[in-house]
Amino acid sequence: MRRWAPVAVVGGLLAWTALAAPLSVTIGEYFAYYDPQSDPERLEFHRDLAAHVYTAGHWLGQLVAALAGAWLVARSGAYRPAIIGRAALAGAALGLLVGAVAIAAGIRPMHSHGYPSVAPDPTMLSEPAVRWCLLASFACFPLWAIIGAAVGRLFTRRRLIVAAAVILCQPATLLLLVGAAAPPSSHPVAVSLIADAGPAALLMPAILLAWATVATAAATIVTRRRTG
């Protein structure tokens, strides 16, 4: 892979996130509280809308984080704690960048869509449920990078394709099994499930942590057998 490719991928991701934040209003309206009538219901609608707008680009970003983990393993030709740590740091940095762009691009739509008139804070950034949702989604970035690194070790051929397939296939199982049987991400279905969960939203990265632990253990065992 050429040296400029990672920069181009990250730049494209951030550009997409800036464009997707306003577009996520439509997705948020679809998943948000149905037919709100009272002010509390309108406030809930506005909160759900914020959760989707501010997680724009997260799902694609987590896919890029998984690919970054696999790419780091492929580039170094080794699988060791230092590489896993780099993958986690890269995933966290990517999550911060994507999150910052999504929030910056999403504040204006939150002032002009939904029901900002009933919200003490029209941006909803001070809403605890929205913050928990963002925290849970952000925590998935480094975990997906760790999983990507493990996939890169387990599948030495076409590792990037496998890493992409792992995250691309999971929304379907998430829809059917609420994330228990598949690594979850901030796909809109997941966001709609945790928008009002509060601290319980951390169940999403907790499930992903379990998958990352299993994947890392498997990759470590394979590495020892191949080098033993």
C-alpha atoms as a PDB file:
ATOM      1  CA  MET A   1       0.000   0.000   0.000  1.00  0.00           C
ATOM      2  CA  ARG A   2       1.355   3.434  -0.918  1.00  0.00           C
ATOM      3  CA  ARG A   3       2.279   5.782   1.913  1.00  0.00           C
ATOM      4  CA  TRP A   4      -0.360   8.337   0.983  1.00  0.00           C
ATOM      5  CA  ALA A   5      -3.151   5.743   1.005  1.00  0.00           C
ATOM      6  CA  PRO A   6      -3.855   5.846   4.795  1.00  0.00           C
ATOM      7  CA  VAL A   7      -4.004   9.651   4.697  1.00  0.00           C
ATOM      8  CA  ALA A   8      -6.389   9.503   1.740  1.00  0.00           C
ATOM      9  CA  VAL A   9      -8.606   6.943   3.480  1.00  0.00           C
ATOM     10  CA  VAL A  10      -8.797   8.963   6.708  1.00  0.00           C
ATOM     11  CA  GLY A  11      -9.381  12.195   4.785  1.00  0.00           C
ATOM     12  CA  GLY A  12     -12.175  10.569   2.803  1.00  0.00           C
ATOM     13  CA  LEU A  13     -13.712   9.217   6.005  1.00  0.00           C
ATOM     14  CA  LEU A  14     -13.728  12.648   7.645  1.00  0.00           C
ATOM     15  CA  ALA A  15     -15.210  14.234   4.519  1.00  0.00           C
ATOM     16  CA  TRP A  16     -17.914  11.577   4.435  1.00  0.00           C
ATOM     17  CA  THR A  17     -18.638  12.148   8.134  1.00  0.00           C
ATOM     18  CA  ALA A  18     -19.087  15.889   7.549  1.00  0.00           C
ATOM     19  CA  LEU A  19     -21.548  15.133   4.757  1.00  0.00           C
ATOM     20  CA  ALA A  20     -23.298  12.317   6.594  1.00  0.00           C
ATOM     21  CA  ALA A  21     -24.071  14.266   9.776  1.00  0.00           C
ATOM     22  CA  PRO A  22     -26.839  16.376   8.153  1.00  0.00           C
ATOM     23  CA  LEU A  23     -28.024  13.341   6.167  1.00  0.00           C
ATOM     24  CA  SER A  24     -28.331  11.369   9.413  1.00  0.00           C
ATOM     25  CA  VAL A  25     -31.287  13.561  10.335  1.00  0.00           C
ATOM     26  CA  THR A  26     -33.431  11.424   8.014  1.00  0.00           C
ATOM     27  CA  ILE A  27     -32.140   8.214   9.576  1.00  0.00           C
ATOM     28  CA  GLY A  28     -32.678   9.615  13.066  1.00  0.00           C
ATOM     29  CA  GLU A  29     -36.233  10.660  12.257  1.00  0.00           C
ATOM     30  CA  TYR A  30     -36.959   7.120  11.055  1.00  0.00           C
ATOM     31  CA  PHE A  31     -35.650   5.473  14.231  1.00  0.00           C
ATOM     32  CA  ALA A  32     -36.703   8.157  16.737  1.00  0.00           C
ATOM     33  CA  TYR A  33     -39.821   8.266  18.912  1.00  0.00           C
ATOM     34  CA  TYR A  34     -42.862   7.589  16.722  1.00  0.00           C
ATOM     35  CA  ASP A  35     -45.414  10.401  16.302  1.00  0.00           C
ATOM     36  CA  PRO A  36     -44.535  12.552  19.350  1.00  0.00           C
ATOM     37  CA  GLN A  37     -47.461  14.567  20.719  1.00  0.00           C
ATOM     38  CA  SER A  38     -46.524  15.951  24.132  1.00  0.00           C
ATOM     39  CA  ASP A  39     -43.450  17.993  24.996  1.00  0.00           C
ATOM     40  CA  PRO A  40     -41.777  15.060  26.827  1.00  0.00           C
ATOM     41  CA  GLU A  41     -42.310  12.913  23.727  1.00  0.00           C
ATOM     42  CA  ARG A  42     -40.934  15.667  21.479  1.00  0.00           C
ATOM     43  CA  LEU A  43     -37.923  15.970  23.755  1.00  0.00           C
ATOM     44  CA  GLU A  44     -37.347  12.221  23.479  1.00  0.00           C
ATOM     45  CA  PHE A  45     -37.598  12.494  19.687  1.00  0.00           C
ATOM     46  CA  HIS A  46     -35.044  15.295  19.674  1.00  0.00           C
ATOM     47  CA  ARG A  47     -32.721  13.284  21.918  1.00  0.00           C
ATOM     48  CA  ASP A  48     -32.922  10.213  19.672  1.00  0.00           C
ATOM     49  CA  LEU A  49     -32.260  12.420  16.654  1.00  0.00           C
ATOM     50  CA  ALA A  50     -29.127  13.798  18.326  1.00  0.00           C
ATOM     51  CA  ALA A  51     -27.803  10.319  19.036  1.00  0.00           C
ATOM     52  CA  HIS A  52     -27.976   9.435  15.337  1.00  0.00           C
ATOM     53  CA  VAL A  53     -26.650  12.769  14.042  1.00  0.00           C
ATOM     54  CA  TYR A  54     -23.644  12.769  16.364  1.00  0.00           C
ATOM     55  CA  THR A  55     -22.718   9.173  15.531  1.00  0.00           C
ATOM     56  CA  ALA A  56     -22.662   9.908  11.796  1.00  0.00           C
ATOM     57  CA  GLY A  57     -19.618   8.301  10.250  1.00  0.00           C
ATOM     58  CA  HIS A  58     -18.980   6.100  13.290  1.00  0.00           C
ATOM     59  CA  TRP A  59     -19.936   2.813  11.660  1.00  0.00           C
ATOM     60  CA  LEU A  60     -17.792   3.458   8.594  1.00  0.00           C
ATOM     61  CA  GLY A  61     -15.081   4.779  10.895  1.00  0.00           C
ATOM     62  CA  GLN A  62     -15.096   1.551  12.878  1.00  0.00           C
ATOM     63  CA  LEU A  63     -14.731  -0.390   9.644  1.00  0.00           C
ATOM     64  CA  VAL A  64     -11.690   1.754   8.815  1.00  0.00           C
ATOM     65  CA  ALA A  65     -10.358   1.111  12.340  1.00  0.00           C
ATOM     66  CA  ALA A  66     -10.645  -2.651  11.783  1.00  0.00           C
ATOM     67  CA  LEU A  67      -8.876  -2.343   8.452  1.00  0.00           C
ATOM     68  CA  ALA A  68      -6.179  -0.215  10.080  1.00  0.00           C
ATOM     69  CA  GLY A  69      -5.525  -2.944  12.633  1.00  0.00           C
ATOM     70  CA  ALA A  70      -5.201  -5.555   9.896  1.00  0.00           C
ATOM     71  CA  TRP A  71      -2.984  -3.215   7.855  1.00  0.00           C
ATOM     72  CA  LEU A  72      -0.613  -2.611  10.779  1.00  0.00           C
ATOM     73  CA  VAL A  73      -0.099  -6.354  11.198  1.00  0.00           C
ATOM     74  CA  ALA A  74       0.428  -6.815   7.467  1.00  0.00           C
ATOM     75  CA  ARG A  75       2.894  -3.906   7.343  1.00  0.00           C
ATOM     76  CA  SER A  76       4.947  -5.046  10.329  1.00  0.00           C
ATOM     77  CA  GLY A  77       4.828  -8.729   9.450  1.00  0.00           C
ATOM     78  CA  ALA A  78       4.474  -9.566  13.148  1.00  0.00           C
ATOM     79  CA  TYR A  79       1.818  -9.903  15.824  1.00  0.00           C
ATOM     80  CA  ARG A  80       2.954  -8.773  19.243  1.00  0.00           C
ATOM     81  CA  PRO A  81       1.689  -6.566  22.109  1.00  0.00           C
ATOM     82  CA  ALA A  82       3.310  -3.448  20.638  1.00  0.00           C
ATOM     83  CA  ILE A  83       1.396  -3.882  17.377  1.00  0.00           C
ATOM     84  CA  ILE A  84      -1.858  -4.503  19.251  1.00  0.00           C
ATOM     85  CA  GLY A  85      -1.227  -1.339  21.267  1.00  0.00           C
ATOM     86  CA  ARG A  86      -0.575   0.670  18.110  1.00  0.00           C
ATOM     87  CA  ALA A  87      -3.778  -0.640  16.600  1.00  0.00           C
ATOM     88  CA  ALA A  88      -5.754   0.386  19.704  1.00  0.00           C
ATOM     89  CA  LEU A  89      -4.184   3.870  19.700  1.00  0.00           C
ATOM     90  CA  ALA A  90      -4.871   4.280  15.991  1.00  0.00           C
ATOM     91  CA  GLY A  91      -8.482   3.239  16.537  1.00  0.00           C
ATOM     92  CA  ALA A  92      -8.892   5.662  19.449  1.00  0.00           C
ATOM     93  CA  ALA A  93      -7.355   8.537  17.470  1.00  0.00           C
ATOM     94  CA  LEU A  94      -9.631   7.775  14.550  1.00  0.00           C
ATOM     95  CA  GLY A  95     -12.627   7.724  16.883  1.00  0.00           C
ATOM     96  CA  LEU A  96     -11.721  11.148  18.274  1.00  0.00           C
ATOM     97  CA  LEU A  97     -11.340  12.629  14.792  1.00  0.00           C
ATOM     98  CA  VAL A  98     -14.583  11.157  13.468  1.00  0.00           C
ATOM     99  CA  GLY A  99     -16.446  12.112  16.651  1.00  0.00           C
ATOM    100  CA  ALA A 100     -15.218  15.704  16.552  1.00  0.00           C
ATOM    101  CA  VAL A 101     -16.182  16.127  12.891  1.00  0.00           C
ATOM    102  CA  ALA A 102     -19.615  14.541  13.424  1.00  0.00           C
ATOM    103  CA  ILE A 103     -20.395  16.838  16.354  1.00  0.00           C
ATOM    104  CA  ALA A 104     -19.124  19.947  14.574  1.00  0.00           C
ATOM    105  CA  ALA A 105     -21.183  19.121  11.479  1.00  0.00           C
ATOM    106  CA  GLY A 106     -24.209  18.010  13.478  1.00  0.00           C
ATOM    107  CA  ILE A 107     -24.787  21.015  15.736  1.00  0.00           C
ATOM    108  CA  ARG A 108     -26.419  23.116  13.013  1.00  0.00           C
ATOM    109  CA  PRO A 109     -28.905  20.389  11.921  1.00  0.00           C
ATOM    110  CA  MET A 110     -29.887  19.912  15.571  1.00  0.00           C
ATOM    111  CA  HIS A 111     -30.812  23.599  15.759  1.00  0.00           C
ATOM    112  CA  SER A 112     -33.029  23.370  12.660  1.00  0.00           C
ATOM    113  CA  HIS A 113     -34.577  19.864  12.855  1.00  0.00           C
ATOM    114  CA  GLY A 114     -36.521  17.845  15.352  1.00  0.00           C
ATOM    115  CA  TYR A 115     -37.973  19.819  18.259  1.00  0.00           C
ATOM    116  CA  PRO A 116     -35.264  22.208  19.482  1.00  0.00           C
ATOM    117  CA  SER A 117     -37.914  24.478  21.006  1.00  0.00           C
ATOM    118  CA  VAL A 118     -38.694  21.993  23.790  1.00  0.00           C
ATOM    119  CA  ALA A 119     -35.050  21.208  24.598  1.00  0.00           C
ATOM    120  CA  PRO A 120     -33.161  23.241  27.230  1.00  0.00           C
ATOM    121  CA  ASP A 121     -30.082  22.507  25.120  1.00  0.00           C
ATOM    122  CA  PRO A 122     -31.094  22.263  21.423  1.00  0.00           C
ATOM    123  CA  THR A 123     -27.792  20.569  20.582  1.00  0.00           C
ATOM    124  CA  MET A 124     -28.532  17.864  23.217  1.00  0.00           C
ATOM    125  CA  LEU A 125     -24.805  17.588  23.939  1.00  0.00           C
ATOM    126  CA  SER A 126     -25.566  18.117  27.622  1.00  0.00           C
ATOM    127  CA  GLU A 127     -28.078  15.246  27.603  1.00  0.00           C
ATOM    128  CA  PRO A 128     -26.637  12.307  29.617  1.00  0.00           C
ATOM    129  CA  ALA A 129     -28.251   9.667  27.392  1.00  0.00           C
ATOM    130  CA  VAL A 130     -26.644  11.203  24.293  1.00  0.00           C
ATOM    131  CA  ARG A 131     -23.269  11.349  26.023  1.00  0.00           C
ATOM    132  CA  TRP A 132     -23.466   7.700  27.065  1.00  0.00           C
ATOM    133  CA  CYS A 133     -24.384   6.768  23.508  1.00  0.00           C
ATOM    134  CA  LEU A 134     -21.382   8.666  22.138  1.00  0.00           C
ATOM    135  CA  LEU A 135     -19.056   7.167  24.750  1.00  0.00           C
ATOM    136  CA  ALA A 136     -20.233   3.635  23.951  1.00  0.00           C
ATOM    137  CA  SER A 137     -19.777   4.195  20.243  1.00  0.00           C
ATOM    138  CA  PHE A 138     -16.333   5.770  20.693  1.00  0.00           C
ATOM    139  CA  ALA A 139     -15.177   2.807  22.804  1.00  0.00           C
ATOM    140  CA  CYS A 140     -15.873   0.549  19.826  1.00  0.00           C
ATOM    141  CA  PHE A 141     -13.172   2.203  17.685  1.00  0.00           C
ATOM    142  CA  PRO A 142     -10.060   0.841  19.464  1.00  0.00           C
ATOM    143  CA  LEU A 143     -11.793  -2.487  20.036  1.00  0.00           C
ATOM    144  CA  TRP A 144     -12.525  -2.861  16.328  1.00  0.00           C
ATOM    145  CA  ALA A 145      -8.892  -2.005  15.584  1.00  0.00           C
ATOM    146  CA  ILE A 146      -7.761  -4.762  17.956  1.00  0.00           C
ATOM    147  CA  ILE A 147     -10.124  -7.218  16.286  1.00  0.00           C
ATOM    148  CA  GLY A 148      -8.805  -6.140  12.893  1.00  0.00           C
ATOM    149  CA  ALA A 149      -5.233  -6.787  14.057  1.00  0.00           C
ATOM    150  CA  ALA A 150      -6.229 -10.275  15.233  1.00  0.00           C
ATOM    151  CA  VAL A 151      -7.975 -10.961  11.932  1.00  0.00           C
ATOM    152  CA  GLY A 152      -4.840  -9.814  10.139  1.00  0.00           C
ATOM    153  CA  ARG A 153      -2.871 -12.448  12.025  1.00  0.00           C
ATOM    154  CA  LEU A 154      -5.391 -15.265  11.712  1.00  0.00           C
ATOM    155  CA  PHE A 155      -5.978 -14.778   8.000  1.00  0.00           C
ATOM    156  CA  THR A 156      -2.664 -14.104   6.316  1.00  0.00           C
ATOM    157  CA  ARG A 157      -4.256 -14.106   2.881  1.00  0.00           C
ATOM    158  CA  ARG A 158      -6.810 -11.495   1.921  1.00  0.00           C
ATOM    159  CA  ARG A 159      -6.792 -10.260   5.509  1.00  0.00           C
ATOM    160  CA  LEU A 160      -8.254  -6.861   4.643  1.00  0.00           C
ATOM    161  CA  ILE A 161     -11.170  -8.494   2.853  1.00  0.00           C
ATOM    162  CA  VAL A 162     -11.829 -10.729   5.861  1.00  0.00           C
ATOM    163  CA  ALA A 163     -11.578  -7.789   8.288  1.00  0.00           C
ATOM    164  CA  ALA A 164     -14.104  -5.864   6.202  1.00  0.00           C
ATOM    165  CA  ALA A 165     -16.415  -8.879   5.989  1.00  0.00           C
ATOM    166  CA  VAL A 166     -16.403  -9.291   9.780  1.00  0.00           C
ATOM    167  CA  ILE A 167     -17.829  -5.834  10.414  1.00  0.00           C
ATOM    168  CA  LEU A 168     -19.994  -5.632   7.293  1.00  0.00           C
ATOM    169  CA  CYS A 169     -21.906  -8.789   8.124  1.00  0.00           C
ATOM    170  CA  GLN A 170     -22.690  -7.915  11.732  1.00  0.00           C
ATOM    171  CA  PRO A 171     -25.601  -5.448  11.396  1.00  0.00           C
ATOM    172  CA  ALA A 172     -27.858  -8.274  10.136  1.00  0.00           C
ATOM    173  CA  THR A 173     -27.097 -10.407  13.161  1.00  0.00           C
ATOM    174  CA  LEU A 174     -27.367  -7.365  15.400  1.00  0.00           C
ATOM    175  CA  LEU A 175     -30.890  -6.805  14.111  1.00  0.00           C
ATOM    176  CA  LEU A 176     -31.860 -10.411  14.866  1.00  0.00           C
ATOM    177  CA  LEU A 177     -29.947 -11.093  18.079  1.00  0.00           C
ATOM    178  CA  VAL A 178     -29.402  -7.597  19.542  1.00  0.00           C
ATOM    179  CA  GLY A 179     -25.645  -7.901  19.299  1.00  0.00           C
ATOM    180  CA  ALA A 180     -25.237 -10.919  21.576  1.00  0.00           C
ATOM    181  CA  ALA A 181     -23.998 -13.214  18.806  1.00  0.00           C
ATOM    182  CA  ALA A 182     -22.095 -10.692  16.710  1.00  0.00           C
ATOM    183  CA  PRO A 183     -19.628  -7.896  17.433  1.00  0.00           C
ATOM    184  CA  PRO A 184     -21.747  -4.730  17.572  1.00  0.00           C
ATOM    185  CA  SER A 185     -20.962  -1.342  16.108  1.00  0.00           C
ATOM    186  CA  SER A 186     -22.593   2.073  15.911  1.00  0.00           C
ATOM    187  CA  HIS A 187     -24.781   1.019  13.008  1.00  0.00           C
ATOM    188  CA  PRO A 188     -28.101   2.969  13.132  1.00  0.00           C
ATOM    189  CA  VAL A 189     -29.875  -0.110  14.505  1.00  0.00           C
ATOM    190  CA  ALA A 190     -27.449  -0.227  17.419  1.00  0.00           C
ATOM    191  CA  VAL A 191     -27.785   3.511  18.031  1.00  0.00           C
ATOM    192  CA  SER A 192     -31.568   3.234  18.184  1.00  0.00           C
ATOM    193  CA  LEU A 193     -31.271   0.451  20.765  1.00  0.00           C
ATOM    194  CA  ILE A 194     -28.982   2.365  23.131  1.00  0.00           C
ATOM    195  CA  ALA A 195     -30.208   5.948  22.631  1.00  0.00           C
ATOM    196  CA  ASP A 196     -32.042   5.935  25.979  1.00  0.00           C
ATOM    197  CA  ALA A 197     -30.044   3.227  27.736  1.00  0.00           C
ATOM    198  CA  GLY A 198     -27.846   5.527  29.828  1.00  0.00           C
ATOM    199  CA  PRO A 199     -24.838   3.712  31.370  1.00  0.00           C
ATOM    200  CA  ALA A 200     -26.328   0.451  30.075  1.00  0.00           C
ATOM    201  CA  ALA A 201     -25.201   1.594  26.626  1.00  0.00           C
ATOM    202  CA  LEU A 202     -21.746   0.382  27.633  1.00  0.00           C
ATOM    203  CA  LEU A 203     -23.052  -3.133  27.108  1.00  0.00           C
ATOM    204  CA  MET A 204     -22.292  -2.582  23.418  1.00  0.00           C
ATOM    205  CA  PRO A 205     -18.507  -2.124  23.854  1.00  0.00           C
ATOM    206  CA  ALA A 206     -18.568  -4.762  26.612  1.00  0.00           C
ATOM    207  CA  ILE A 207     -19.777  -7.330  24.078  1.00  0.00           C
ATOM    208  CA  LEU A 208     -17.171  -6.132  21.602  1.00  0.00           C
ATOM    209  CA  LEU A 209     -14.485  -6.369  24.310  1.00  0.00           C
ATOM    210  CA  ALA A 210     -15.358 -10.034  24.749  1.00  0.00           C
ATOM    211  CA  TRP A 211     -15.005 -10.598  21.015  1.00  0.00           C
ATOM    212  CA  ALA A 212     -11.702  -8.691  20.958  1.00  0.00           C
ATOM    213  CA  THR A 213     -10.400 -10.824  23.824  1.00  0.00           C
ATOM    214  CA  VAL A 214     -11.330 -14.059  22.048  1.00  0.00           C
ATOM    215  CA  ALA A 215      -9.848 -12.862  18.739  1.00  0.00           C
ATOM    216  CA  THR A 216      -6.614 -11.707  20.391  1.00  0.00           C
ATOM    217  CA  ALA A 217      -6.240 -14.980  22.283  1.00  0.00           C
ATOM    218  CA  ALA A 218      -6.783 -16.978  19.099  1.00  0.00           C
ATOM    219  CA  ALA A 219      -4.284 -14.861  17.158  1.00  0.00           C
ATOM    220  CA  THR A 220      -1.724 -15.198  19.974  1.00  0.00           C
ATOM    221  CA  ILE A 221      -2.074 -18.984  20.014  1.00  0.00           C
ATOM    222  CA  VAL A 222      -1.677 -19.173  16.236  1.00  0.00           C
ATOM    223  CA  THR A 223       1.407 -16.933  16.411  1.00  0.00           C
ATOM    224  CA  ARG A 224       3.064 -19.134  19.032  1.00  0.00           C
ATOM    225  CA  ARG A 225       2.360 -22.282  17.063  1.00  0.00           C
ATOM    226  CA  ARG A 226       3.746 -20.804  13.842  1.00  0.00           C
ATOM    227  CA  THR A 227       6.892 -19.503  15.516  1.00  0.00           C
ATOM    228  CA  GLY A 228       7.332 -22.423  17.914  1.00  0.00           C
END
